[in-house]
Amino acid sequence: MTTLQVDVVSAEASLFSGEAKFVALPGVSGELGIYPRHTPLITRIRPGSVRIEQANGEQAYIFVAGGILEVQPDGVTVLADTAIRGEDLDEEKARAAKASAEEALRQASSEQALAEAQAELAVAAAQLAMLRHLQAKK
């Protein structure tokens, strides 16, 4: 069975390091699926879920708030701005962040404030979407 080395890291910690059969994650131009021997690639990623199908058949989920993806034929490295293991996501915090971002969006008085509020809202919405997905799998 062919696998690839997957590393997901943020400034705070290494969240995953191991062998996988497949990785799916949100690229800026759409969803990306990576199998072993993938063509080399470097791209930005947007807020969302990284799904890792591990060599043992188990799946790992990690939320990323954006970052950079590097793909080599034998490995994938995700350098995330912020990353949280799926099981560590807090629905209450995500809902509060979404409400705060929506209020900031309503109060935005400049293009800069509007862009920041939109980015915060995208992150909170992606966290909530991942939580819904994980709850549906239970």
Protein backbone atom coordinates (compact mmCIF):
# COMPACT_ATOMS: atom_id res chain seq x y z
CA MET A 1 0.00 0.00 0.00
CA THR A 2 1.40 3.37 -1.02
CA THR A 3 1.22 6.17 1.55
CA LEU A 4 2.54 9.67 1.98
CA GLN A 5 3.92 11.51 4.99
CA VAL A 6 1.52 14.19 6.26
CA ASP A 7 2.52 16.98 8.63
CA VAL A 8 0.09 19.64 9.87
CA VAL A 9 1.75 22.38 11.89
CA SER A 10 0.88 25.81 13.20
CA ALA A 11 2.98 28.41 14.98
CA GLU A 12 1.85 26.89 18.28
CA ALA A 13 2.30 23.16 17.71
CA SER A 14 2.55 20.15 15.42
CA LEU A 15 -1.00 18.78 15.23
CA PHE A 16 -0.46 15.74 13.04
CA SER A 17 2.50 13.80 11.74
CA GLY A 18 2.05 10.40 10.18
CA GLU A 19 1.41 8.21 7.17
CA ALA A 20 -1.78 8.64 5.14
CA LYS A 21 -3.50 7.22 2.09
CA PHE A 22 -5.34 10.44 1.22
CA VAL A 23 -5.66 14.08 2.31
CA ALA A 24 -8.50 16.51 1.48
CA LEU A 25 -8.40 20.21 2.31
CA PRO A 26 -9.79 23.59 1.22
CA GLY A 27 -7.57 25.33 -1.31
CA VAL A 28 -8.23 28.95 -2.26
CA SER A 29 -9.52 27.81 -5.67
CA GLY A 30 -11.53 24.86 -4.36
CA GLU A 31 -11.29 21.55 -2.55
CA LEU A 32 -8.03 19.63 -3.02
CA GLY A 33 -7.57 15.88 -2.83
CA ILE A 34 -4.04 14.54 -2.48
CA TYR A 35 -2.97 10.94 -3.05
CA PRO A 36 0.58 9.51 -2.91
CA ARG A 37 2.73 10.48 -5.91
CA HIS A 38 0.79 13.72 -6.42
CA THR A 39 2.38 16.34 -8.62
CA PRO A 40 4.39 18.90 -6.60
CA LEU A 41 2.31 21.92 -5.64
CA ILE A 42 2.43 24.96 -3.38
CA THR A 43 -0.78 26.89 -2.75
CA ARG A 44 -2.64 28.87 -0.14
CA ILE A 45 -5.44 27.26 1.80
CA ARG A 46 -8.61 28.85 3.15
CA PRO A 47 -10.38 28.25 6.46
CA GLY A 48 -11.85 24.78 6.70
CA SER A 49 -11.32 21.14 7.46
CA VAL A 50 -8.27 19.02 6.66
CA ARG A 51 -9.37 15.38 6.40
CA ILE A 52 -6.61 12.81 6.66
CA GLU A 53 -7.30 9.17 5.81
CA GLN A 54 -4.56 7.49 7.79
CA ALA A 55 -2.71 4.36 6.71
CA ASN A 56 -4.63 2.32 9.34
CA GLY A 57 -7.98 3.41 7.86
CA GLU A 58 -8.87 5.87 10.63
CA GLN A 59 -9.64 9.48 9.77
CA ALA A 60 -8.24 12.56 11.45
CA TYR A 61 -9.84 16.00 11.15
CA ILE A 62 -8.04 19.26 11.77
CA PHE A 63 -9.52 22.74 11.43
CA VAL A 64 -7.22 25.28 9.76
CA ALA A 65 -7.86 29.01 9.61
CA GLY A 66 -5.77 29.38 6.45
CA GLY A 67 -2.13 28.91 5.56
CA ILE A 68 0.10 27.28 2.99
CA LEU A 69 0.07 23.76 1.52
CA GLU A 70 3.17 22.11 0.08
CA VAL A 71 2.74 18.83 -1.79
CA GLN A 72 5.59 16.58 -2.87
CA PRO A 73 5.17 13.09 -4.40
CA ASP A 74 5.89 11.45 -1.03
CA GLY A 75 4.60 14.05 1.42
CA VAL A 76 2.18 16.82 2.33
CA THR A 77 2.97 19.72 4.65
CA VAL A 78 0.26 22.08 5.89
CA LEU A 79 1.61 25.26 7.46
CA ALA A 80 -1.50 26.65 9.13
CA ASP A 81 -2.05 30.15 10.47
CA THR A 82 -4.08 28.54 13.25
CA ALA A 83 -5.00 24.87 13.59
CA ILE A 84 -7.23 22.96 16.00
CA ARG A 85 -7.84 19.21 16.15
CA GLY A 86 -11.44 18.41 15.31
CA GLU A 87 -12.13 16.90 18.72
CA ASP A 88 -10.81 20.08 20.40
CA LEU A 89 -13.17 22.50 18.62
CA ASP A 90 -15.53 24.32 20.99
CA GLU A 91 -18.99 24.94 19.55
CA GLU A 92 -19.83 27.64 22.10
CA LYS A 93 -16.65 29.57 21.29
CA ALA A 94 -17.28 29.20 17.55
CA ARG A 95 -20.85 30.51 17.90
CA ALA A 96 -19.64 33.45 20.00
CA ALA A 97 -16.93 34.22 17.43
CA LYS A 98 -19.52 34.14 14.65
CA ALA A 99 -21.83 36.51 16.54
CA SER A 100 -18.91 38.85 17.25
CA ALA A 101 -17.84 38.81 13.60
CA GLU A 102 -21.41 39.51 12.44
CA GLU A 103 -21.58 42.50 14.81
CA ALA A 104 -18.19 43.75 13.59
CA LEU A 105 -19.50 43.41 10.02
CA ARG A 106 -22.51 45.60 10.84
CA GLN A 107 -20.31 48.17 12.59
CA ALA A 108 -17.52 48.25 9.97
CA SER A 109 -16.71 51.84 9.09
CA SER A 110 -13.81 51.27 6.70
CA GLU A 111 -12.80 48.80 4.02
CA GLN A 112 -10.09 47.46 6.36
CA ALA A 113 -12.59 46.83 9.18
CA LEU A 114 -14.99 45.22 6.71
CA ALA A 115 -12.30 42.87 5.37
CA GLU A 116 -11.22 41.88 8.89
CA ALA A 117 -14.82 41.17 9.92
CA GLN A 118 -15.41 39.10 6.78
CA ALA A 119 -12.26 37.05 7.47
CA GLU A 120 -13.32 36.45 11.09
CA LEU A 121 -16.79 35.42 9.93
CA ALA A 122 -15.32 32.97 7.39
CA VAL A 123 -13.20 31.31 10.09
CA ALA A 124 -16.12 31.01 12.53
CA ALA A 125 -18.45 29.68 9.83
CA ALA A 126 -15.85 27.09 8.76
CA GLN A 127 -15.44 25.95 12.38
CA LEU A 128 -19.20 25.53 12.77
CA ALA A 129 -19.42 23.63 9.46
CA MET A 130 -16.70 21.24 10.62
CA LEU A 131 -18.47 20.73 13.96
CA ARG A 132 -21.73 19.90 12.14
CA HIS A 133 -19.87 17.41 9.93
CA LEU A 134 -18.21 15.71 12.89
CA GLN A 135 -21.51 15.52 14.80
CA ALA A 136 -23.22 13.95 11.78
CA LYS A 137 -20.54 11.23 11.66
CA LYS A 138 -21.32 10.15 15.24
